[in-house]
Amino acid sequence: QVQLTESGGGLVQTGGSLRLSCVVSGRAISDFALGWFRQAPGKEREFVAAISKSDDGALYPDTTEGRFTMSRDVGKNTVYLQMNRLKPEDTAVYYCAAAMGVKITTVAGTFDYWGQGTQVTVSS
């Protein structure tokens, strides 16, 4: 069984930084294309970042490009999301996700496994 567990969320001021972690159990993270998504109250689930199965590429939307960086540590079987220059509009529950059978994807519906989520709140 595959499980994803996020941590590292919390309260931070505008302009601050936060690093989220996602520990994957059950299979090696190198088996997956990996992604981060977020969902704020009253909004649809939004793509945040993705890295390829072979870790040879990454994708970011305009809302996070240049501020967020996704990475992985195969030795710890852990995925990270470094978030810098945070804004109030970044406030949301953040989810990590893993997809089988694809090199990379940004579409929420294509991911097979999801974590429980961790709350990020950016104060103004």
N, C-alpha and C. Protein backbone atom coordinates (compact mmCIF):
# COMPACT_ATOMS: atom_id res chain seq x y z
N GLN A 1 0.82 -1.17 0.00
CA GLN A 1 0.00 0.00 0.00
C GLN A 1 0.88 1.25 0.00
N VAL A 2 0.49 2.22 -0.81
CA VAL A 2 1.21 3.47 -0.94
C VAL A 2 0.52 4.53 -0.09
N GLN A 3 1.32 5.22 0.70
CA GLN A 3 0.81 6.32 1.51
C GLN A 3 1.72 7.53 1.38
N LEU A 4 1.12 8.71 1.35
CA LEU A 4 1.84 9.97 1.30
C LEU A 4 1.44 10.79 2.52
N THR A 5 2.43 11.33 3.23
CA THR A 5 2.18 12.08 4.44
C THR A 5 2.90 13.42 4.38
N GLU A 6 2.12 14.51 4.33
CA GLU A 6 2.68 15.85 4.28
C GLU A 6 2.95 16.40 5.68
N SER A 7 3.90 17.31 5.76
CA SER A 7 4.18 18.04 6.99
C SER A 7 4.85 19.36 6.63
N GLY A 8 4.97 20.25 7.60
CA GLY A 8 5.68 21.50 7.41
C GLY A 8 4.81 22.71 7.22
N GLY A 9 3.50 22.54 7.16
CA GLY A 9 2.61 23.68 7.04
C GLY A 9 2.57 24.49 8.33
N GLY A 10 2.01 25.68 8.23
CA GLY A 10 1.91 26.54 9.39
C GLY A 10 1.54 27.95 9.01
N LEU A 11 1.74 28.86 9.95
CA LEU A 11 1.42 30.28 9.77
C LEU A 11 2.71 31.05 9.51
N VAL A 12 2.70 31.86 8.45
CA VAL A 12 3.87 32.64 8.09
C VAL A 12 3.42 34.01 7.58
N GLN A 13 4.25 35.02 7.76
CA GLN A 13 3.94 36.36 7.30
C GLN A 13 4.18 36.50 5.80
N THR A 14 3.49 37.46 5.20
CA THR A 14 3.74 37.79 3.80
C THR A 14 5.22 38.05 3.57
N GLY A 15 5.77 37.44 2.51
CA GLY A 15 7.18 37.58 2.20
C GLY A 15 8.06 36.52 2.83
N GLY A 16 7.51 35.72 3.71
CA GLY A 16 8.27 34.69 4.39
C GLY A 16 8.40 33.43 3.57
N SER A 17 9.04 32.42 4.17
CA SER A 17 9.31 31.15 3.50
C SER A 17 8.84 29.98 4.34
N LEU A 18 8.58 28.88 3.66
CA LEU A 18 8.14 27.66 4.31
C LEU A 18 8.56 26.49 3.44
N ARG A 19 8.94 25.37 4.06
CA ARG A 19 9.27 24.17 3.31
C ARG A 19 8.33 23.04 3.72
N LEU A 20 7.62 22.50 2.75
CA LEU A 20 6.75 21.36 2.97
C LEU A 20 7.47 20.07 2.63
N SER A 21 7.17 19.02 3.37
CA SER A 21 7.73 17.70 3.13
C SER A 21 6.62 16.70 2.90
N CYS A 22 6.91 15.68 2.10
CA CYS A 22 5.96 14.61 1.84
C CYS A 22 6.72 13.29 1.83
N VAL A 23 6.50 12.48 2.87
CA VAL A 23 7.14 11.17 2.97
C VAL A 23 6.26 10.14 2.29
N VAL A 24 6.84 9.38 1.38
CA VAL A 24 6.13 8.34 0.65
C VAL A 24 6.52 6.98 1.20
N SER A 25 5.55 6.16 1.52
CA SER A 25 5.79 4.80 1.97
C SER A 25 5.11 3.81 1.03
N GLY A 26 5.65 2.60 0.97
CA GLY A 26 5.06 1.55 0.15
C GLY A 26 5.76 1.32 -1.17
N ARG A 27 6.25 2.37 -1.79
CA ARG A 27 7.00 2.27 -3.04
C ARG A 27 8.02 3.40 -3.10
N ALA A 28 9.04 3.21 -3.91
CA ALA A 28 10.07 4.22 -4.08
C ALA A 28 9.51 5.40 -4.86
N ILE A 29 9.91 6.61 -4.46
CA ILE A 29 9.41 7.80 -5.15
C ILE A 29 9.89 7.84 -6.59
N SER A 30 10.97 7.13 -6.91
CA SER A 30 11.45 7.07 -8.28
C SER A 30 10.50 6.32 -9.21
N ASP A 31 9.50 5.66 -8.66
CA ASP A 31 8.48 4.99 -9.46
C ASP A 31 7.41 5.95 -9.97
N PHE A 32 7.42 7.19 -9.49
CA PHE A 32 6.31 8.10 -9.74
C PHE A 32 6.73 9.40 -10.41
N ALA A 33 5.81 9.95 -11.19
CA ALA A 33 5.80 11.39 -11.42
C ALA A 33 5.15 12.02 -10.19
N LEU A 34 5.68 13.13 -9.72
CA LEU A 34 5.27 13.71 -8.44
C LEU A 34 4.77 15.13 -8.63
N GLY A 35 3.82 15.51 -7.78
CA GLY A 35 3.27 16.85 -7.88
C GLY A 35 2.78 17.39 -6.56
N TRP A 36 2.60 18.70 -6.52
CA TRP A 36 1.96 19.41 -5.42
C TRP A 36 0.76 20.18 -5.95
N PHE A 37 -0.33 20.14 -5.18
CA PHE A 37 -1.54 20.89 -5.48
C PHE A 37 -2.00 21.60 -4.22
N ARG A 38 -2.89 22.58 -4.40
CA ARG A 38 -3.45 23.27 -3.25
C ARG A 38 -4.92 23.57 -3.49
N GLN A 39 -5.65 23.73 -2.40
CA GLN A 39 -7.06 24.06 -2.48
C GLN A 39 -7.42 25.05 -1.38
N ALA A 40 -7.89 26.21 -1.78
CA ALA A 40 -8.34 27.24 -0.86
C ALA A 40 -9.85 27.18 -0.73
N PRO A 41 -10.41 27.68 0.36
CA PRO A 41 -11.87 27.67 0.53
C PRO A 41 -12.58 28.34 -0.64
N GLY A 42 -13.59 27.67 -1.18
CA GLY A 42 -14.36 28.22 -2.27
C GLY A 42 -13.70 28.17 -3.63
N LYS A 43 -12.54 27.54 -3.73
CA LYS A 43 -11.82 27.47 -4.99
C LYS A 43 -11.58 26.02 -5.41
N GLU A 44 -11.31 25.85 -6.69
CA GLU A 44 -10.98 24.53 -7.22
C GLU A 44 -9.55 24.16 -6.85
N ARG A 45 -9.27 22.86 -6.88
CA ARG A 45 -7.92 22.38 -6.66
C ARG A 45 -7.00 22.94 -7.75
N GLU A 46 -5.84 23.43 -7.35
CA GLU A 46 -4.95 24.16 -8.24
C GLU A 46 -3.58 23.50 -8.30
N PHE A 47 -3.05 23.37 -9.49
CA PHE A 47 -1.71 22.84 -9.70
C PHE A 47 -0.66 23.82 -9.16
N VAL A 48 0.33 23.28 -8.45
CA VAL A 48 1.38 24.09 -7.82
C VAL A 48 2.76 23.80 -8.41
N ALA A 49 3.10 22.52 -8.57
CA ALA A 49 4.42 22.15 -9.07
C ALA A 49 4.43 20.67 -9.43
N ALA A 50 5.34 20.28 -10.33
CA ALA A 50 5.49 18.88 -10.70
C ALA A 50 6.93 18.61 -11.11
N ILE A 51 7.40 17.39 -10.82
CA ILE A 51 8.69 16.92 -11.31
C ILE A 51 8.49 15.58 -12.00
N SER A 52 9.39 15.28 -12.93
CA SER A 52 9.26 14.07 -13.72
C SER A 52 9.69 12.85 -12.93
N LYS A 53 9.30 11.69 -13.45
CA LYS A 53 9.65 10.42 -12.83
C LYS A 53 11.16 10.24 -12.74
N SER A 54 11.87 10.68 -13.76
CA SER A 54 13.32 10.55 -13.80
C SER A 54 14.04 11.77 -13.24
N ASP A 55 13.30 12.73 -12.71
CA ASP A 55 13.84 13.94 -12.10
C ASP A 55 14.70 14.74 -13.08
N ASP A 56 14.29 14.78 -14.33
CA ASP A 56 15.01 15.52 -15.35
C ASP A 56 14.23 16.72 -15.86
N GLY A 57 13.15 17.08 -15.16
CA GLY A 57 12.37 18.23 -15.54
C GLY A 57 11.36 18.61 -14.48
N ALA A 58 10.97 19.87 -14.47
CA ALA A 58 9.99 20.37 -13.53
C ALA A 58 9.07 21.37 -14.22
N LEU A 59 7.84 21.48 -13.74
CA LEU A 59 6.86 22.40 -14.29
C LEU A 59 6.22 23.20 -13.18
N TYR A 60 5.99 24.48 -13.44
CA TYR A 60 5.34 25.38 -12.48
C TYR A 60 4.37 26.29 -13.22
N PRO A 61 3.24 26.60 -12.61
CA PRO A 61 2.35 27.59 -13.21
C PRO A 61 2.87 29.00 -12.95
N ASP A 62 2.26 29.98 -13.62
CA ASP A 62 2.70 31.37 -13.45
C ASP A 62 2.59 31.84 -12.00
N THR A 63 1.64 31.29 -11.26
CA THR A 63 1.41 31.73 -9.89
C THR A 63 2.52 31.34 -8.92
N THR A 64 3.31 30.31 -9.26
CA THR A 64 4.37 29.85 -8.37
C THR A 64 5.76 29.92 -8.99
N GLU A 65 5.86 30.05 -10.30
CA GLU A 65 7.14 30.10 -11.00
C GLU A 65 8.03 31.19 -10.40
N GLY A 66 9.27 30.82 -10.07
CA GLY A 66 10.21 31.77 -9.52
C GLY A 66 10.15 31.91 -8.02
N ARG A 67 9.09 31.43 -7.39
CA ARG A 67 8.95 31.51 -5.93
C ARG A 67 9.00 30.13 -5.27
N PHE A 68 8.45 29.12 -5.94
CA PHE A 68 8.39 27.77 -5.39
C PHE A 68 9.36 26.87 -6.14
N THR A 69 9.96 25.92 -5.41
CA THR A 69 10.86 24.95 -6.00
C THR A 69 10.54 23.56 -5.46
N MET A 70 10.32 22.62 -6.36
CA MET A 70 10.04 21.25 -5.97
C MET A 70 11.30 20.40 -6.12
N SER A 71 11.51 19.49 -5.18
CA SER A 71 12.68 18.61 -5.23
C SER A 71 12.35 17.29 -4.57
N ARG A 72 13.28 16.34 -4.67
CA ARG A 72 13.09 15.04 -4.02
C ARG A 72 14.41 14.54 -3.47
N ASP A 73 14.32 13.67 -2.47
CA ASP A 73 15.46 13.00 -1.87
C ASP A 73 15.15 11.52 -1.89
N VAL A 74 15.77 10.79 -2.82
CA VAL A 74 15.46 9.37 -2.97
C VAL A 74 15.91 8.56 -1.76
N GLY A 75 16.98 8.98 -1.08
CA GLY A 75 17.45 8.27 0.10
C GLY A 75 16.45 8.32 1.24
N LYS A 76 15.74 9.43 1.37
CA LYS A 76 14.71 9.60 2.40
C LYS A 76 13.31 9.29 1.89
N ASN A 77 13.20 8.99 0.59
CA ASN A 77 11.90 8.74 -0.05
C ASN A 77 10.93 9.89 0.24
N THR A 78 11.43 11.10 0.10
CA THR A 78 10.70 12.29 0.49
C THR A 78 10.70 13.33 -0.63
N VAL A 79 9.57 13.99 -0.78
CA VAL A 79 9.38 15.07 -1.74
C VAL A 79 9.27 16.38 -0.97
N TYR A 80 9.82 17.46 -1.52
CA TYR A 80 9.81 18.75 -0.86
C TYR A 80 9.21 19.83 -1.75
N LEU A 81 8.64 20.84 -1.11
CA LEU A 81 8.22 22.05 -1.79
C LEU A 81 8.73 23.24 -1.00
N GLN A 82 9.74 23.91 -1.54
CA GLN A 82 10.27 25.12 -0.92
C GLN A 82 9.47 26.30 -1.43
N MET A 83 8.89 27.07 -0.53
CA MET A 83 8.03 28.19 -0.87
C MET A 83 8.66 29.47 -0.32
N ASN A 84 8.97 30.41 -1.21
CA ASN A 84 9.57 31.68 -0.83
C ASN A 84 8.69 32.84 -1.25
N ARG A 85 8.91 33.99 -0.62
CA ARG A 85 8.15 35.21 -0.94
C ARG A 85 6.66 34.93 -0.96
N LEU A 86 6.19 34.33 0.12
CA LEU A 86 4.80 33.91 0.20
C LEU A 86 3.85 35.10 0.22
N LYS A 87 2.67 34.88 -0.35
CA LYS A 87 1.63 35.89 -0.46
C LYS A 87 0.35 35.38 0.20
N PRO A 88 -0.54 36.27 0.62
CA PRO A 88 -1.81 35.81 1.20
C PRO A 88 -2.58 34.86 0.29
N GLU A 89 -2.51 35.06 -1.02
CA GLU A 89 -3.21 34.19 -1.94
C GLU A 89 -2.63 32.78 -2.03
N ASP A 90 -1.48 32.54 -1.39
CA ASP A 90 -0.93 31.20 -1.28
C ASP A 90 -1.59 30.39 -0.17
N THR A 91 -2.42 31.03 0.64
CA THR A 91 -3.10 30.35 1.74
C THR A 91 -4.01 29.26 1.20
N ALA A 92 -3.80 28.03 1.67
CA ALA A 92 -4.56 26.88 1.17
C ALA A 92 -4.11 25.63 1.92
N VAL A 93 -4.83 24.55 1.71
CA VAL A 93 -4.36 23.23 2.09
C VAL A 93 -3.53 22.68 0.94
N TYR A 94 -2.32 22.26 1.23
CA TYR A 94 -1.40 21.77 0.21
C TYR A 94 -1.33 20.25 0.25
N TYR A 95 -1.40 19.64 -0.92
CA TYR A 95 -1.39 18.19 -1.06
C TYR A 95 -0.25 17.75 -1.96
N CYS A 96 0.45 16.69 -1.58
CA CYS A 96 1.37 16.05 -2.50
C CYS A 96 0.67 14.87 -3.16
N ALA A 97 1.13 14.52 -4.35
CA ALA A 97 0.48 13.48 -5.13
C ALA A 97 1.50 12.73 -5.97
N ALA A 98 1.17 11.48 -6.30
CA ALA A 98 2.05 10.61 -7.08
C ALA A 98 1.26 9.95 -8.20
N ALA A 99 1.87 9.90 -9.38
CA ALA A 99 1.23 9.34 -10.56
C ALA A 99 2.05 8.20 -11.14
N MET A 100 1.39 7.11 -11.46
CA MET A 100 2.02 5.95 -12.10
C MET A 100 1.85 6.02 -13.61
N GLY A 101 2.83 5.51 -14.33
CA GLY A 101 2.68 5.29 -15.76
C GLY A 101 2.86 6.50 -16.65
N VAL A 102 3.29 7.63 -16.09
CA VAL A 102 3.55 8.82 -16.88
C VAL A 102 4.89 9.42 -16.49
N LYS A 103 5.49 10.16 -17.41
CA LYS A 103 6.76 10.81 -17.12
C LYS A 103 6.56 12.03 -16.23
N ILE A 104 5.57 12.85 -16.58
CA ILE A 104 5.24 14.04 -15.81
C ILE A 104 3.82 14.45 -16.15
N THR A 105 3.11 15.02 -15.17
CA THR A 105 1.75 15.48 -15.41
C THR A 105 1.42 16.62 -14.45
N THR A 106 0.54 17.51 -14.88
CA THR A 106 0.07 18.63 -14.08
C THR A 106 -1.43 18.56 -13.82
N VAL A 107 -2.07 17.48 -14.23
CA VAL A 107 -3.52 17.35 -14.16
C VAL A 107 -3.89 16.54 -12.93
N ALA A 108 -4.68 17.11 -12.04
CA ALA A 108 -5.01 16.46 -10.77
C ALA A 108 -5.64 15.10 -10.97
N GLY A 109 -6.51 14.96 -11.95
CA GLY A 109 -7.21 13.71 -12.18
C GLY A 109 -6.34 12.56 -12.62
N THR A 110 -5.12 12.83 -13.02
CA THR A 110 -4.22 11.78 -13.48
C THR A 110 -3.36 11.20 -12.36
N PHE A 111 -3.40 11.78 -11.17
CA PHE A 111 -2.60 11.29 -10.05
C PHE A 111 -3.32 10.16 -9.32
N ASP A 112 -2.57 9.14 -8.94
CA ASP A 112 -3.13 7.93 -8.36
C ASP A 112 -3.17 7.96 -6.83
N TYR A 113 -2.25 8.66 -6.21
CA TYR A 113 -2.14 8.68 -4.75
C TYR A 113 -2.03 10.10 -4.25
N TRP A 114 -2.66 10.36 -3.11
CA TRP A 114 -2.71 11.70 -2.52
C TRP A 114 -2.46 11.64 -1.02
N GLY A 115 -1.81 12.68 -0.51
CA GLY A 115 -1.64 12.82 0.92
C GLY A 115 -2.87 13.44 1.56
N GLN A 116 -2.83 13.56 2.88
CA GLN A 116 -3.95 14.12 3.64
C GLN A 116 -4.00 15.64 3.58
N GLY A 117 -2.90 16.27 3.27
CA GLY A 117 -2.84 17.71 3.17
C GLY A 117 -2.27 18.37 4.41
N THR A 118 -1.67 19.53 4.22
CA THR A 118 -1.15 20.33 5.31
C THR A 118 -1.52 21.79 5.08
N GLN A 119 -1.98 22.46 6.13
CA GLN A 119 -2.48 23.83 6.02
C GLN A 119 -1.34 24.83 5.99
N VAL A 120 -1.38 25.73 5.01
CA VAL A 120 -0.46 26.85 4.92
C VAL A 120 -1.29 28.13 5.00
N THR A 121 -0.98 28.99 5.95
CA THR A 121 -1.67 30.25 6.11
C THR A 121 -0.66 31.39 6.06
N VAL A 122 -0.88 32.33 5.15
CA VAL A 122 0.00 33.48 4.99
C VAL A 122 -0.75 34.71 5.44
N SER A 123 -0.27 35.35 6.48
CA SER A 123 -0.93 36.51 7.05
C SER A 123 -0.51 37.77 6.32
N SER A 124 -1.42 38.73 6.25
CA SER A 124 -1.15 40.00 5.59
C SER A 124 -0.77 41.08 6.58
